[in-house]
């Protein structure tokens, strides 16, 4: 799937998709996961900011290069792809995905 390349981060990121629109749900689930996690959500706001330190990449349905997700991803050195239409429906929770924040490509690996 394609979106807006919003943060190159430190290169490609692979991990398990955590698909949620609730930052509290995301925080609880991140405590249980040890492998790299890619957040897939509709959009982020300041309530999500503290979670970014635990993520490997971020993918959102809404936003552009100056959206909250893009800015906080850059601050944390994470790849981010934003503005991906219907990404929370196209990627299922638990799927393995690869995020290229330079090209704006999000690949579903499993």
N, C-alpha and C. Protein backbone atom coordinates (compact mmCIF):
# COMPACT_ATOMS: atom_id res chain seq x y z
N UNK A 1 0.84 -1.17 0.00
CA UNK A 1 0.00 0.00 0.00
C UNK A 1 0.89 1.24 0.00
N UNK A 2 0.36 2.34 -0.47
CA UNK A 2 1.13 3.58 -0.62
C UNK A 2 0.56 4.69 0.25
N UNK A 3 1.45 5.57 0.66
CA UNK A 3 1.04 6.75 1.41
C UNK A 3 2.08 7.83 1.24
N UNK A 4 2.07 8.78 2.14
CA UNK A 4 3.01 9.90 2.11
C UNK A 4 4.22 9.54 2.97
N UNK A 5 5.39 9.59 2.38
CA UNK A 5 6.63 9.35 3.12
C UNK A 5 6.84 10.54 4.06
N UNK A 6 6.65 10.32 5.36
CA UNK A 6 6.66 11.43 6.32
C UNK A 6 7.90 11.45 7.21
N UNK A 7 8.57 10.30 7.35
CA UNK A 7 9.80 10.22 8.14
C UNK A 7 10.59 9.02 7.68
N UNK A 8 11.85 9.25 7.30
CA UNK A 8 12.70 8.15 6.86
C UNK A 8 13.15 7.29 8.03
N UNK A 9 13.25 7.90 9.21
CA UNK A 9 13.71 7.15 10.38
C UNK A 9 15.11 6.64 10.15
N UNK A 10 15.36 5.43 10.62
CA UNK A 10 16.69 4.82 10.46
C UNK A 10 16.67 3.75 9.38
N UNK A 11 15.74 3.86 8.43
CA UNK A 11 15.66 2.88 7.34
C UNK A 11 14.38 2.08 7.41
N UNK A 12 14.38 0.95 6.72
CA UNK A 12 13.21 0.07 6.71
C UNK A 12 12.94 -0.48 8.10
N UNK A 13 11.68 -0.65 8.40
CA UNK A 13 11.29 -1.27 9.67
C UNK A 13 10.33 -2.41 9.39
N UNK A 14 10.55 -3.53 10.07
CA UNK A 14 9.64 -4.66 9.99
C UNK A 14 9.14 -4.98 11.37
N UNK A 15 7.89 -5.42 11.46
CA UNK A 15 7.35 -5.80 12.76
C UNK A 15 5.92 -6.26 12.64
N UNK A 16 5.35 -6.49 13.80
CA UNK A 16 3.96 -6.94 13.91
C UNK A 16 3.06 -5.71 13.96
N UNK A 17 2.01 -5.73 13.16
CA UNK A 17 1.07 -4.60 13.12
C UNK A 17 0.21 -4.59 14.38
N UNK A 18 0.20 -3.45 15.03
CA UNK A 18 -0.71 -3.19 16.14
C UNK A 18 -1.74 -2.22 15.61
N UNK A 19 -2.91 -2.76 15.24
CA UNK A 19 -3.96 -1.96 14.61
C UNK A 19 -4.97 -1.55 15.68
N UNK A 20 -4.99 -0.26 16.00
CA UNK A 20 -5.91 0.26 17.01
C UNK A 20 -6.05 1.76 16.84
N UNK A 21 -7.18 2.29 17.30
CA UNK A 21 -7.40 3.73 17.31
C UNK A 21 -7.46 4.27 18.74
N UNK A 22 -7.06 3.45 19.69
CA UNK A 22 -7.14 3.79 21.11
C UNK A 22 -5.75 3.76 21.75
N UNK A 23 -5.22 4.91 22.17
CA UNK A 23 -3.87 4.92 22.75
C UNK A 23 -3.76 4.12 24.05
N UNK A 24 -4.82 4.02 24.84
CA UNK A 24 -4.76 3.21 26.06
C UNK A 24 -4.64 1.73 25.72
N UNK A 25 -5.41 1.28 24.73
CA UNK A 25 -5.31 -0.10 24.25
C UNK A 25 -3.91 -0.37 23.73
N UNK A 26 -3.38 0.55 22.95
CA UNK A 26 -2.04 0.38 22.39
C UNK A 26 -1.00 0.27 23.50
N UNK A 27 -1.09 1.12 24.51
CA UNK A 27 -0.14 1.08 25.61
C UNK A 27 -0.18 -0.24 26.36
N UNK A 28 -1.36 -0.75 26.64
CA UNK A 28 -1.49 -2.04 27.33
C UNK A 28 -0.88 -3.16 26.49
N UNK A 29 -1.19 -3.17 25.21
CA UNK A 29 -0.70 -4.24 24.35
C UNK A 29 0.79 -4.17 24.11
N UNK A 30 1.35 -2.96 24.07
CA UNK A 30 2.79 -2.82 23.90
C UNK A 30 3.56 -3.43 25.07
N UNK A 31 2.98 -3.40 26.26
CA UNK A 31 3.63 -4.00 27.43
C UNK A 31 3.77 -5.51 27.28
N UNK A 32 2.89 -6.13 26.49
CA UNK A 32 2.88 -7.58 26.33
C UNK A 32 3.74 -8.06 25.16
N UNK A 33 4.09 -7.18 24.26
CA UNK A 33 4.81 -7.56 23.05
C UNK A 33 6.31 -7.29 23.19
N UNK A 34 7.12 -8.28 22.81
CA UNK A 34 8.56 -8.11 22.89
C UNK A 34 9.19 -7.85 21.53
N UNK A 35 8.50 -8.26 20.47
CA UNK A 35 9.07 -8.08 19.13
C UNK A 35 8.79 -6.67 18.61
N UNK A 36 9.43 -6.27 17.52
CA UNK A 36 9.19 -4.94 16.95
C UNK A 36 7.72 -4.75 16.58
N UNK A 37 7.21 -3.56 16.85
CA UNK A 37 5.79 -3.26 16.65
C UNK A 37 5.64 -2.06 15.71
N UNK A 38 4.75 -2.21 14.73
CA UNK A 38 4.39 -1.14 13.81
C UNK A 38 2.98 -0.68 14.19
N UNK A 39 2.85 0.56 14.61
CA UNK A 39 1.52 1.10 14.93
C UNK A 39 0.79 1.44 13.63
N UNK A 40 -0.42 0.91 13.50
CA UNK A 40 -1.29 1.22 12.36
C UNK A 40 -2.57 1.80 12.96
N UNK A 41 -2.84 3.07 12.65
CA UNK A 41 -3.96 3.75 13.27
C UNK A 41 -4.53 4.81 12.34
N UNK A 42 -5.68 5.32 12.69
CA UNK A 42 -6.31 6.36 11.86
C UNK A 42 -5.51 7.66 11.94
N UNK A 43 -5.18 8.11 13.13
CA UNK A 43 -4.37 9.30 13.34
C UNK A 43 -3.85 9.28 14.76
N UNK A 44 -2.86 10.13 15.04
CA UNK A 44 -2.37 10.26 16.41
C UNK A 44 -2.51 11.71 16.86
N UNK A 45 -2.46 11.87 18.19
CA UNK A 45 -2.47 13.19 18.81
C UNK A 45 -1.55 13.09 20.02
N UNK A 46 -1.42 14.13 20.84
CA UNK A 46 -0.46 14.06 21.95
C UNK A 46 -0.65 12.88 22.91
N UNK A 47 -1.84 12.32 23.01
CA UNK A 47 -2.06 11.16 23.89
C UNK A 47 -1.21 9.96 23.48
N UNK A 48 -0.78 9.90 22.23
CA UNK A 48 0.02 8.79 21.70
C UNK A 48 1.52 8.98 21.90
N UNK A 49 1.97 10.19 22.16
CA UNK A 49 3.38 10.55 22.09
C UNK A 49 4.31 9.64 22.89
N UNK A 50 3.95 9.30 24.11
CA UNK A 50 4.84 8.49 24.93
C UNK A 50 5.02 7.07 24.40
N UNK A 51 4.10 6.61 23.57
CA UNK A 51 4.19 5.25 23.02
C UNK A 51 5.21 5.14 21.89
N UNK A 52 5.54 6.24 21.24
CA UNK A 52 6.41 6.20 20.08
C UNK A 52 7.78 5.62 20.41
N UNK A 53 8.25 5.79 21.65
CA UNK A 53 9.56 5.26 22.03
C UNK A 53 9.63 3.74 21.95
N UNK A 54 8.49 3.09 22.03
CA UNK A 54 8.44 1.63 22.00
C UNK A 54 8.16 1.06 20.60
N UNK A 55 7.85 1.94 19.65
CA UNK A 55 7.47 1.50 18.30
C UNK A 55 8.69 1.39 17.38
N UNK A 56 8.50 0.61 16.30
CA UNK A 56 9.51 0.53 15.24
C UNK A 56 9.15 1.40 14.05
N UNK A 57 7.86 1.68 13.87
CA UNK A 57 7.38 2.54 12.78
C UNK A 57 5.92 2.89 13.04
N UNK A 58 5.44 3.86 12.26
CA UNK A 58 4.05 4.33 12.40
C UNK A 58 3.44 4.46 11.01
N UNK A 59 2.18 4.01 10.90
CA UNK A 59 1.41 4.14 9.66
C UNK A 59 0.04 4.68 10.03
N UNK A 60 -0.39 5.76 9.35
CA UNK A 60 -1.70 6.33 9.66
C UNK A 60 -2.54 6.52 8.39
N UNK A 61 -3.86 6.54 8.58
CA UNK A 61 -4.77 6.80 7.47
C UNK A 61 -4.80 8.28 7.10
N UNK A 62 -4.72 9.13 8.10
CA UNK A 62 -4.82 10.57 7.89
C UNK A 62 -3.47 11.23 8.13
N UNK A 63 -3.34 12.44 7.64
CA UNK A 63 -2.15 13.22 7.96
C UNK A 63 -1.26 13.49 6.76
N UNK A 64 -0.31 14.36 7.01
CA UNK A 64 0.68 14.76 6.02
C UNK A 64 2.02 14.92 6.70
N UNK A 65 2.95 15.56 6.04
CA UNK A 65 4.31 15.66 6.58
C UNK A 65 4.40 16.53 7.83
N UNK A 66 3.38 17.34 8.12
CA UNK A 66 3.41 18.11 9.36
C UNK A 66 2.35 17.63 10.36
N UNK A 67 1.85 16.43 10.17
CA UNK A 67 0.89 15.85 11.11
C UNK A 67 1.61 15.42 12.39
N UNK A 68 0.85 15.21 13.44
CA UNK A 68 1.41 14.77 14.71
C UNK A 68 2.25 13.52 14.55
N UNK A 69 1.72 12.50 13.88
CA UNK A 69 2.45 11.24 13.71
C UNK A 69 3.78 11.46 13.01
N UNK A 70 3.80 12.28 11.98
CA UNK A 70 5.03 12.53 11.22
C UNK A 70 6.07 13.24 12.08
N UNK A 71 5.65 14.26 12.80
CA UNK A 71 6.59 15.04 13.61
C UNK A 71 7.18 14.20 14.74
N UNK A 72 6.32 13.48 15.46
CA UNK A 72 6.81 12.68 16.59
C UNK A 72 7.65 11.50 16.09
N UNK A 73 7.31 10.94 14.94
CA UNK A 73 8.15 9.88 14.37
C UNK A 73 9.54 10.42 14.05
N UNK A 74 9.62 11.59 13.44
CA UNK A 74 10.93 12.18 13.15
C UNK A 74 11.71 12.45 14.43
N UNK A 75 11.03 12.97 15.45
CA UNK A 75 11.70 13.23 16.73
C UNK A 75 12.27 11.96 17.35
N UNK A 76 11.63 10.82 17.09
CA UNK A 76 12.06 9.54 17.67
C UNK A 76 12.86 8.68 16.69
N UNK A 77 13.14 9.20 15.50
CA UNK A 77 13.93 8.45 14.52
C UNK A 77 13.23 7.24 13.95
N UNK A 78 11.88 7.32 13.85
CA UNK A 78 11.10 6.19 13.34
C UNK A 78 10.65 6.44 11.91
N UNK A 79 10.60 5.39 11.10
CA UNK A 79 9.96 5.53 9.79
C UNK A 79 8.46 5.77 9.99
N UNK A 80 7.90 6.63 9.14
CA UNK A 80 6.46 6.89 9.20
C UNK A 80 5.92 7.09 7.79
N UNK A 81 4.77 6.46 7.55
CA UNK A 81 4.02 6.65 6.31
C UNK A 81 2.62 7.07 6.75
N UNK A 82 2.17 8.21 6.25
CA UNK A 82 0.88 8.75 6.65
C UNK A 82 -0.02 8.93 5.42
N UNK A 83 -1.29 9.17 5.67
CA UNK A 83 -2.22 9.39 4.56
C UNK A 83 -2.44 8.16 3.70
N UNK A 84 -2.47 6.98 4.33
CA UNK A 84 -2.70 5.73 3.60
C UNK A 84 -4.19 5.41 3.68
N UNK A 85 -4.93 5.54 2.56
CA UNK A 85 -6.38 5.32 2.60
C UNK A 85 -6.76 3.94 3.14
N UNK A 86 -7.66 3.93 4.12
CA UNK A 86 -8.24 2.71 4.69
C UNK A 86 -7.20 1.72 5.21
N UNK A 87 -6.05 2.20 5.67
CA UNK A 87 -5.00 1.27 6.10
C UNK A 87 -5.43 0.44 7.31
N UNK A 88 -6.30 0.97 8.18
CA UNK A 88 -6.72 0.18 9.34
C UNK A 88 -7.69 -0.94 8.95
N UNK A 89 -8.18 -0.91 7.73
CA UNK A 89 -9.01 -2.01 7.22
C UNK A 89 -8.18 -2.96 6.35
N UNK A 90 -7.14 -2.44 5.74
CA UNK A 90 -6.33 -3.23 4.81
C UNK A 90 -5.29 -4.09 5.52
N UNK A 91 -4.79 -3.60 6.65
CA UNK A 91 -3.82 -4.36 7.44
C UNK A 91 -4.54 -4.89 8.67
N UNK A 92 -4.38 -6.19 8.90
CA UNK A 92 -5.02 -6.82 10.06
C UNK A 92 -4.06 -6.82 11.25
N UNK A 93 -4.63 -6.69 12.42
CA UNK A 93 -3.86 -6.76 13.65
C UNK A 93 -3.06 -8.06 13.68
N UNK A 94 -1.77 -7.96 13.99
CA UNK A 94 -0.92 -9.15 14.09
C UNK A 94 -0.20 -9.53 12.82
N UNK A 95 -0.53 -8.92 11.69
CA UNK A 95 0.18 -9.23 10.45
C UNK A 95 1.60 -8.66 10.52
N UNK A 96 2.53 -9.32 9.85
CA UNK A 96 3.89 -8.80 9.76
C UNK A 96 3.93 -7.83 8.59
N UNK A 97 4.46 -6.64 8.84
CA UNK A 97 4.53 -5.60 7.81
C UNK A 97 5.92 -4.98 7.75
N UNK A 98 6.21 -4.36 6.62
CA UNK A 98 7.46 -3.62 6.42
C UNK A 98 7.09 -2.19 6.03
N UNK A 99 7.75 -1.22 6.65
CA UNK A 99 7.47 0.19 6.41
C UNK A 99 8.72 0.87 5.87
N UNK A 100 8.56 1.54 4.74
CA UNK A 100 9.64 2.33 4.15
C UNK A 100 9.22 3.80 4.20
N UNK A 101 9.72 4.51 5.18
CA UNK A 101 9.36 5.90 5.36
C UNK A 101 10.00 6.83 4.36
N UNK A 102 10.91 6.32 3.54
CA UNK A 102 11.54 7.13 2.49
C UNK A 102 10.70 7.13 1.22
N UNK A 103 10.14 5.97 0.88
CA UNK A 103 9.35 5.85 -0.36
C UNK A 103 7.85 5.96 -0.12
N UNK A 104 7.41 5.77 1.13
CA UNK A 104 5.98 5.79 1.42
C UNK A 104 5.29 4.47 1.16
N UNK A 105 6.07 3.39 1.08
CA UNK A 105 5.50 2.06 0.81
C UNK A 105 5.37 1.28 2.11
N UNK A 106 4.19 0.65 2.29
CA UNK A 106 3.95 -0.25 3.40
C UNK A 106 3.61 -1.61 2.79
N UNK A 107 4.43 -2.62 3.09
CA UNK A 107 4.22 -3.96 2.53
C UNK A 107 3.66 -4.89 3.58
N UNK A 108 2.67 -5.68 3.21
CA UNK A 108 2.15 -6.74 4.07
C UNK A 108 2.96 -7.99 3.75
N UNK A 109 3.70 -8.50 4.74
CA UNK A 109 4.58 -9.65 4.52
C UNK A 109 3.89 -10.97 4.83
N UNK A 110 2.96 -10.97 5.77
CA UNK A 110 2.24 -12.19 6.13
C UNK A 110 0.77 -11.88 6.30
